[in-house]
N, C-alpha and C. Protein backbone atom coordinates (compact mmCIF):
# COMPACT_ATOMS: atom_id res chain seq x y z
N MET A 1 79.74 61.39 83.17
CA MET A 1 81.14 61.73 82.75
C MET A 1 81.95 60.56 83.05
N SER A 2 82.91 60.33 82.24
CA SER A 2 83.90 59.21 82.44
C SER A 2 85.23 59.74 82.80
N LYS A 3 85.69 59.43 83.98
CA LYS A 3 87.04 59.83 84.45
C LYS A 3 88.12 59.23 83.57
N VAL A 4 87.86 57.99 83.12
CA VAL A 4 88.88 57.30 82.27
C VAL A 4 89.03 58.15 80.90
N THR A 5 87.90 58.51 80.32
CA THR A 5 87.98 59.38 79.09
C THR A 5 88.69 60.72 79.23
N GLN A 6 88.35 61.31 80.49
CA GLN A 6 89.03 62.59 80.82
C GLN A 6 90.49 62.38 80.88
N GLU A 7 91.03 61.39 81.55
CA GLU A 7 92.36 61.01 81.75
C GLU A 7 93.05 60.78 80.38
N LYS A 8 92.38 60.10 79.49
CA LYS A 8 92.94 59.84 78.17
C LYS A 8 93.05 61.15 77.37
N LEU A 9 92.08 61.99 77.51
CA LEU A 9 92.23 63.28 76.79
C LEU A 9 93.43 64.07 77.35
N LEU A 10 93.55 64.06 78.67
CA LEU A 10 94.70 64.76 79.34
C LEU A 10 95.99 64.17 78.90
N ALA A 11 96.08 62.88 78.57
CA ALA A 11 97.28 62.20 78.25
C ALA A 11 97.58 62.34 76.74
N GLY A 12 96.73 63.00 75.97
CA GLY A 12 97.06 63.33 74.59
C GLY A 12 96.42 62.42 73.56
N ILE A 13 95.46 61.46 74.04
CA ILE A 13 94.75 60.71 73.11
C ILE A 13 93.68 61.50 72.32
N ILE A 14 93.70 61.23 71.00
CA ILE A 14 92.67 61.93 70.14
C ILE A 14 91.52 60.95 69.91
N PHE A 15 90.34 61.49 70.16
CA PHE A 15 89.16 60.72 69.87
C PHE A 15 88.52 61.22 68.65
N GLY A 16 88.08 60.32 67.82
CA GLY A 16 87.42 60.77 66.55
C GLY A 16 86.69 59.71 65.74
N ASP A 17 86.19 60.13 64.71
CA ASP A 17 85.52 59.32 63.60
C ASP A 17 85.97 59.85 62.33
N ASN A 18 86.82 59.10 61.67
CA ASN A 18 87.37 59.53 60.35
C ASN A 18 86.19 59.58 59.21
N ASP A 19 85.21 58.80 59.33
CA ASP A 19 84.19 58.74 58.27
C ASP A 19 83.36 60.03 58.44
N ASN A 20 83.10 60.51 59.60
CA ASN A 20 82.29 61.75 59.88
C ASN A 20 83.15 63.03 60.02
N GLU A 21 84.45 62.81 60.11
CA GLU A 21 85.42 63.94 60.24
C GLU A 21 85.14 64.72 61.47
N GLU A 22 84.98 63.98 62.67
CA GLU A 22 84.70 64.54 63.87
C GLU A 22 85.94 64.18 64.82
N TYR A 23 86.43 65.11 65.56
CA TYR A 23 87.65 64.80 66.36
C TYR A 23 87.64 65.70 67.63
N ILE A 24 87.97 65.05 68.76
CA ILE A 24 88.08 65.86 70.00
C ILE A 24 89.46 65.54 70.56
N TYR A 25 90.17 66.57 71.01
CA TYR A 25 91.51 66.35 71.55
C TYR A 25 91.90 67.62 72.35
N LEU A 26 92.97 67.39 73.22
CA LEU A 26 93.39 68.56 74.01
C LEU A 26 94.79 68.96 73.43
N PRO A 27 94.81 70.31 72.99
CA PRO A 27 95.96 70.87 72.45
C PRO A 27 97.06 70.88 73.35
N GLY A 28 98.33 70.74 72.97
CA GLY A 28 99.42 70.72 73.82
C GLY A 28 99.60 71.94 74.79
N GLY A 29 99.08 73.12 74.38
CA GLY A 29 99.15 74.37 75.16
C GLY A 29 98.22 74.38 76.38
N GLU A 30 97.27 73.47 76.42
CA GLU A 30 96.33 73.36 77.48
C GLU A 30 96.75 72.39 78.53
N VAL A 31 97.84 71.57 78.31
CA VAL A 31 98.29 70.69 79.29
C VAL A 31 98.73 71.42 80.50
N GLY A 32 98.29 70.96 81.67
CA GLY A 32 98.69 71.60 82.86
C GLY A 32 97.86 72.88 83.34
N SER A 33 97.01 73.34 82.45
CA SER A 33 96.25 74.51 82.75
C SER A 33 95.16 74.19 83.79
N GLU A 34 94.72 75.17 84.50
CA GLU A 34 93.81 75.02 85.59
C GLU A 34 92.45 74.57 85.10
N ALA A 35 91.91 75.05 84.00
CA ALA A 35 90.72 74.74 83.34
C ALA A 35 90.91 74.43 81.80
N PRO A 36 91.42 73.22 81.47
CA PRO A 36 91.88 72.91 80.13
C PRO A 36 90.67 72.92 79.15
N LEU A 37 90.94 73.40 77.93
CA LEU A 37 89.95 73.44 76.91
C LEU A 37 90.29 72.56 75.87
N CYS A 38 89.43 71.63 75.47
CA CYS A 38 89.60 70.72 74.32
C CYS A 38 89.09 71.33 73.12
N VAL A 39 89.49 70.70 71.91
CA VAL A 39 88.98 71.19 70.58
C VAL A 39 88.15 70.21 70.05
N LEU A 40 86.93 70.60 69.58
CA LEU A 40 86.04 69.78 68.85
C LEU A 40 86.10 70.21 67.34
N GLU A 41 86.66 69.32 66.46
CA GLU A 41 86.70 69.55 65.00
C GLU A 41 85.52 68.77 64.41
N ARG A 42 84.82 69.46 63.57
CA ARG A 42 83.55 68.86 62.86
C ARG A 42 83.60 69.40 61.51
N GLY A 43 83.89 68.58 60.55
CA GLY A 43 83.98 69.03 59.15
C GLY A 43 85.15 70.09 59.06
N GLY A 44 84.85 71.38 58.70
CA GLY A 44 85.89 72.33 58.64
C GLY A 44 85.84 73.32 59.82
N SER A 45 84.98 73.14 60.85
CA SER A 45 84.84 74.04 61.95
C SER A 45 85.56 73.51 63.14
N ARG A 46 85.87 74.44 64.00
CA ARG A 46 86.53 74.07 65.36
C ARG A 46 85.84 74.84 66.44
N GLU A 47 85.74 74.22 67.59
CA GLU A 47 85.03 74.81 68.73
C GLU A 47 85.80 74.42 69.97
N ASP A 48 86.02 75.29 70.91
CA ASP A 48 86.58 74.98 72.21
C ASP A 48 85.55 74.55 73.14
N LEU A 49 85.91 73.44 73.87
CA LEU A 49 84.96 72.84 74.86
C LEU A 49 85.72 72.65 76.21
N PRO A 50 85.03 72.91 77.31
CA PRO A 50 85.72 72.57 78.65
C PRO A 50 85.83 71.08 78.67
N LEU A 51 86.80 70.57 79.45
CA LEU A 51 87.11 69.12 79.51
C LEU A 51 85.88 68.25 79.86
N GLU A 52 85.12 68.83 80.77
CA GLU A 52 83.94 67.96 81.17
C GLU A 52 82.92 67.83 79.99
N GLU A 53 82.71 68.92 79.28
CA GLU A 53 81.87 68.89 78.08
C GLU A 53 82.44 67.98 76.97
N ALA A 54 83.69 68.11 76.76
CA ALA A 54 84.41 67.35 75.75
C ALA A 54 84.22 65.81 76.05
N THR A 55 84.40 65.53 77.31
CA THR A 55 84.17 64.04 77.70
C THR A 55 82.82 63.57 77.33
N GLN A 56 81.74 64.41 77.69
CA GLN A 56 80.42 64.13 77.33
C GLN A 56 80.23 63.87 75.79
N GLN A 57 80.84 64.79 75.06
CA GLN A 57 80.74 64.66 73.58
C GLN A 57 81.33 63.42 73.07
N VAL A 58 82.46 63.13 73.60
CA VAL A 58 83.13 61.80 73.16
C VAL A 58 82.18 60.67 73.20
N HIS A 59 81.45 60.58 74.35
CA HIS A 59 80.51 59.54 74.59
C HIS A 59 79.23 59.66 73.70
N ARG A 60 78.75 60.88 73.61
CA ARG A 60 77.54 61.16 72.91
C ARG A 60 77.71 60.78 71.38
N LEU A 61 78.83 61.21 70.85
CA LEU A 61 79.17 60.99 69.41
C LEU A 61 79.81 59.58 69.19
N ALA A 62 79.99 58.82 70.24
CA ALA A 62 80.56 57.49 70.15
C ALA A 62 81.92 57.45 69.54
N LEU A 63 82.77 58.45 69.83
CA LEU A 63 84.09 58.58 69.24
C LEU A 63 85.06 57.58 69.90
N ARG A 64 86.11 57.14 69.09
CA ARG A 64 87.04 56.20 69.60
C ARG A 64 88.45 56.78 69.31
N PRO A 65 89.42 56.18 70.00
CA PRO A 65 90.79 56.67 69.83
C PRO A 65 91.09 56.51 68.37
N CYS A 66 91.83 57.49 67.83
CA CYS A 66 92.08 57.41 66.37
C CYS A 66 93.29 58.24 66.06
N ALA A 67 93.70 58.22 64.81
CA ALA A 67 94.72 59.21 64.23
C ALA A 67 93.99 60.40 63.59
N HIS A 68 94.54 61.52 63.85
CA HIS A 68 94.05 62.79 63.13
C HIS A 68 94.53 62.68 61.73
N PRO A 69 93.76 63.15 60.79
CA PRO A 69 94.26 62.92 59.37
C PRO A 69 95.46 63.95 59.02
N LEU A 70 95.56 65.04 59.81
CA LEU A 70 96.73 65.95 59.52
C LEU A 70 98.02 65.56 60.28
N TRP A 71 97.81 64.82 61.32
CA TRP A 71 98.98 64.52 62.21
C TRP A 71 99.52 63.11 62.12
N GLY A 72 99.00 62.29 61.25
CA GLY A 72 99.59 61.02 60.99
C GLY A 72 98.90 59.88 61.88
N LYS A 73 99.53 58.67 61.70
CA LYS A 73 98.98 57.49 62.40
C LYS A 73 99.59 57.34 63.68
N ARG A 74 98.84 56.80 64.63
CA ARG A 74 99.21 56.36 65.94
C ARG A 74 98.63 55.04 66.16
N SER A 75 99.22 54.21 66.88
CA SER A 75 98.69 52.93 67.23
C SER A 75 98.16 52.95 68.65
N TYR A 76 96.91 52.35 68.86
CA TYR A 76 96.37 52.32 70.23
C TYR A 76 95.95 50.94 70.57
């Protein structure tokens, strides 16, 4: 598990792959919670993941900081 990736998720960075339509992010409502849940979007489906598992998926899927297609562009 990467502590840096965890901290980036907690800071609001969206990790994704626009070509494969895969995204992992921490919803605003989870900020400050005791056991935050991230969202994994893949195609049209959504799944909640504990922060540790989300971090593992970011690395397994080789996701990079990106812009979510519905929420506009961000520069990283």
